[in-house]
Each structure stands twice: as C-alpha cells, then as structure tokens.
Amino acid sequence: MKLELNAQQQIEVQFGLQGEESEENEHMESFVDRRAANFRERRRMCSINVAFMKLRRYIPTFPYEKRLSKIDTLNLAIAYISLLENLLNSDHQNMHAYLKEALVMARSGNPQAPPWSTSDLIARLSWINWKKLGIKPM
C-alpha cells in the first residue's frame, strides 16, 4: 500500500515543517481556548457583581455608609431575611412589641434572642422603612 502525498505535504515532509506547524496550531488553539475561558470568567464575575449590587439595595444600610463588602452584604442579607421570615411566621399580634422584646433580649446577651439579632443588623434597624413593611417604627 503506497501513500500518496499532495505537493504541500511533500514539501512539509521534505523540509520538516509539519512538526513546527502543528506545534504552532496547538499553541494557537490553546491561546484561543484560554481567551474564551477568560471571557466566560469575566462574564460570570460581572453577573455576580451585578447580583451583589441588586442585593445591597434591599438590605438596610446607613445613609452615610460606603459600599458594603460582599461578605458583609451576605451576612446582613441572611440576618435580614431571617428577621423578615421570623416576622411573617410569628403569631404575634403586635409585631412592634415582638421586635422591641427581641432587641432587648439581643442587647442583654440573652441566649434566647432570635438568630437574626446580629449586632450589624440591630445597628441598622433604625434605618429600615418600617412603615413600608406595615409596622410601627422602632
């Protein structure tokens, strides 16, 4: 069985260009793959940052406060969601009295204090728009 080579392949074999070209192609493919991966990573990070910006709009912050870090944003969001969930699931008729009681417990270090009563969230409670939530302001 005889292999027939076209003119380009004969030149590559004769002058040893085939190996160099394939290495160059592999390098080029690797470069293109890396750029595509970098682009996907930038797009992923951008969407994460946009999500954090949106989340920051919903958690209570001080008016003079600079942008919260991602970890502070997550911790405050967890505590705030827990607070809201606790309010929705509570069978307390007077939510204002319940909140005041929870704050007193948290400030006194009572172990029965609700899990949402972190110092960061408690400090920001005065900045929550309670009327918007249908609760008498704290």
Protein backbone atom coordinates (compact mmCIF):
# COMPACT_ATOMS: atom_id res chain seq x y z
CA MET A 1 0.00 0.00 0.00
CA LYS A 2 1.54 3.24 -1.14
CA LEU A 3 0.71 6.58 0.44
CA GLU A 4 0.21 9.43 -1.94
CA LEU A 5 1.07 12.87 -0.68
CA ASN A 6 -0.04 16.10 -2.26
CA ALA A 7 2.53 18.77 -3.12
CA GLN A 8 2.10 20.69 0.16
CA GLN A 9 2.51 17.54 2.27
CA GLN A 10 5.63 16.55 0.27
CA ILE A 11 7.21 19.94 0.99
CA GLU A 12 6.34 19.65 4.69
CA VAL A 13 7.87 16.18 4.92
CA GLN A 14 10.95 17.17 2.90
CA PHE A 15 11.70 20.31 4.92
CA GLY A 16 10.38 19.12 8.30
CA LEU A 17 7.73 21.83 8.58
CA GLN A 18 4.93 19.58 9.71
CA GLY A 19 6.01 19.39 13.37
CA GLU A 20 6.56 23.13 13.76
CA GLU A 21 3.22 23.95 12.19
CA SER A 22 1.34 21.50 14.38
CA GLU A 23 3.03 22.94 17.49
CA GLU A 24 2.05 26.41 16.34
CA ASN A 25 -1.53 25.25 15.75
CA GLU A 26 -1.67 23.68 19.20
CA HIS A 27 -0.32 26.89 20.74
CA MET A 28 -2.88 28.93 18.80
CA GLU A 29 -5.73 26.63 19.86
CA SER A 30 -4.56 26.83 23.48
CA PHE A 31 -4.44 30.63 23.24
CA VAL A 32 -7.95 30.79 21.77
CA ASP A 33 -9.28 28.39 24.42
CA ARG A 34 -7.67 30.47 27.19
CA ARG A 35 -9.17 33.70 25.84
CA ALA A 36 -12.60 32.08 25.66
CA ALA A 37 -12.25 30.81 29.24
CA ASN A 38 -11.14 34.27 30.41
CA PHE A 39 -14.14 35.84 28.68
CA ARG A 40 -16.52 33.37 30.36
CA GLU A 41 -14.92 34.06 33.75
CA ARG A 42 -15.20 37.85 33.29
CA ARG A 43 -18.86 37.49 32.31
CA ARG A 44 -19.50 35.23 35.34
CA MET A 45 -17.82 37.70 37.72
CA CYS A 46 -19.76 40.57 36.17
CA SER A 47 -23.07 38.80 36.77
CA ILE A 48 -22.05 38.04 40.38
CA ASN A 49 -21.16 41.71 40.96
CA VAL A 50 -24.48 42.84 39.46
CA ALA A 51 -26.31 40.42 41.77
CA PHE A 52 -24.48 41.87 44.79
CA MET A 53 -25.37 45.42 43.69
CA LYS A 54 -29.04 44.42 43.50
CA LEU A 55 -28.90 42.68 46.88
CA ARG A 56 -27.34 45.75 48.52
CA ARG A 57 -30.43 47.77 47.53
CA TYR A 58 -32.68 45.58 49.68
CA ILE A 59 -30.75 45.29 52.92
CA PRO A 60 -30.79 48.10 55.48
CA THR A 61 -27.72 50.30 55.40
CA PHE A 62 -26.69 53.57 56.97
CA PRO A 63 -27.18 56.57 54.67
CA TYR A 64 -23.53 57.58 55.05
CA GLU A 65 -22.18 54.05 54.67
CA LYS A 66 -19.81 53.23 51.85
CA ARG A 67 -20.46 50.18 49.74
CA LEU A 68 -20.57 47.01 51.83
CA SER A 69 -18.14 44.20 51.15
CA LYS A 70 -19.53 41.02 49.64
CA ILE A 71 -19.23 39.08 52.89
CA ASP A 72 -20.90 41.88 54.89
CA THR A 73 -23.65 42.03 52.28
CA LEU A 74 -24.25 38.29 52.54
CA ASN A 75 -24.21 38.28 56.35
CA LEU A 76 -26.63 41.21 56.55
CA ALA A 77 -28.89 39.69 53.91
CA ILE A 78 -29.04 36.40 55.84
CA ALA A 79 -29.88 38.20 59.09
CA TYR A 80 -32.44 40.50 57.41
CA ILE A 81 -34.16 37.62 55.61
CA SER A 82 -34.25 35.72 58.90
CA LEU A 83 -35.83 38.75 60.60
CA LEU A 84 -38.49 39.11 57.90
CA GLU A 85 -39.16 35.37 57.91
CA ASN A 86 -39.49 35.45 61.70
CA LEU A 87 -41.96 38.33 61.45
CA LEU A 88 -44.04 36.56 58.80
CA ASN A 89 -44.11 33.26 60.66
CA SER A 90 -44.73 34.73 64.09
CA ASP A 91 -48.17 34.52 65.58
CA HIS A 92 -47.60 37.74 67.48
CA GLN A 93 -50.43 40.20 67.11
CA ASN A 94 -48.20 43.15 67.85
CA MET A 95 -45.05 42.91 65.73
CA HIS A 96 -43.71 46.13 67.18
CA ALA A 97 -43.79 44.70 70.71
CA TYR A 98 -42.21 41.47 69.47
CA LEU A 99 -39.36 43.38 67.81
CA LYS A 100 -38.77 45.50 70.90
CA GLU A 101 -38.67 42.36 73.06
CA ALA A 102 -36.24 40.67 70.65
CA LEU A 103 -33.99 43.73 70.66
CA VAL A 104 -33.92 43.85 74.46
CA MET A 105 -33.04 40.15 74.55
CA ALA A 106 -30.27 40.60 71.95
CA ARG A 107 -28.76 43.64 73.66
CA SER A 108 -28.73 41.93 77.05
CA GLY A 109 -26.96 38.88 75.61
CA ASN A 110 -29.88 36.55 76.27
CA PRO A 111 -29.24 33.16 74.60
CA GLN A 112 -32.95 33.01 73.70
CA ALA A 113 -32.54 36.01 71.38
CA PRO A 114 -33.55 35.31 67.79
CA PRO A 115 -30.78 34.25 65.38
CA TRP A 116 -31.29 37.33 63.21
CA SER A 117 -30.34 39.70 66.02
CA THR A 118 -26.75 40.28 64.94
CA SER A 119 -25.09 43.49 66.05
CA ASP A 120 -24.74 44.65 62.44
CA LEU A 121 -28.44 44.26 61.73
CA ILE A 122 -29.54 45.69 65.08
CA ALA A 123 -27.45 48.80 64.45
CA ARG A 124 -29.18 49.26 61.10
CA LEU A 125 -32.75 48.64 62.29
CA SER A 126 -33.31 52.35 62.81
CA TRP A 127 -32.76 52.89 59.09
CA ILE A 128 -35.38 50.37 57.96
CA ASN A 129 -38.51 51.89 56.46
CA TRP A 130 -40.89 50.19 58.92
CA LYS A 131 -43.97 51.95 57.52
CA LYS A 132 -43.27 50.33 54.18
CA LEU A 133 -43.39 46.95 55.97
CA GLY A 134 -46.63 47.92 57.74
CA ILE A 135 -45.04 48.02 61.20
CA LYS A 136 -44.88 50.91 63.66
CA PRO A 137 -41.36 52.45 63.50
CA MET A 138 -38.82 51.26 66.07
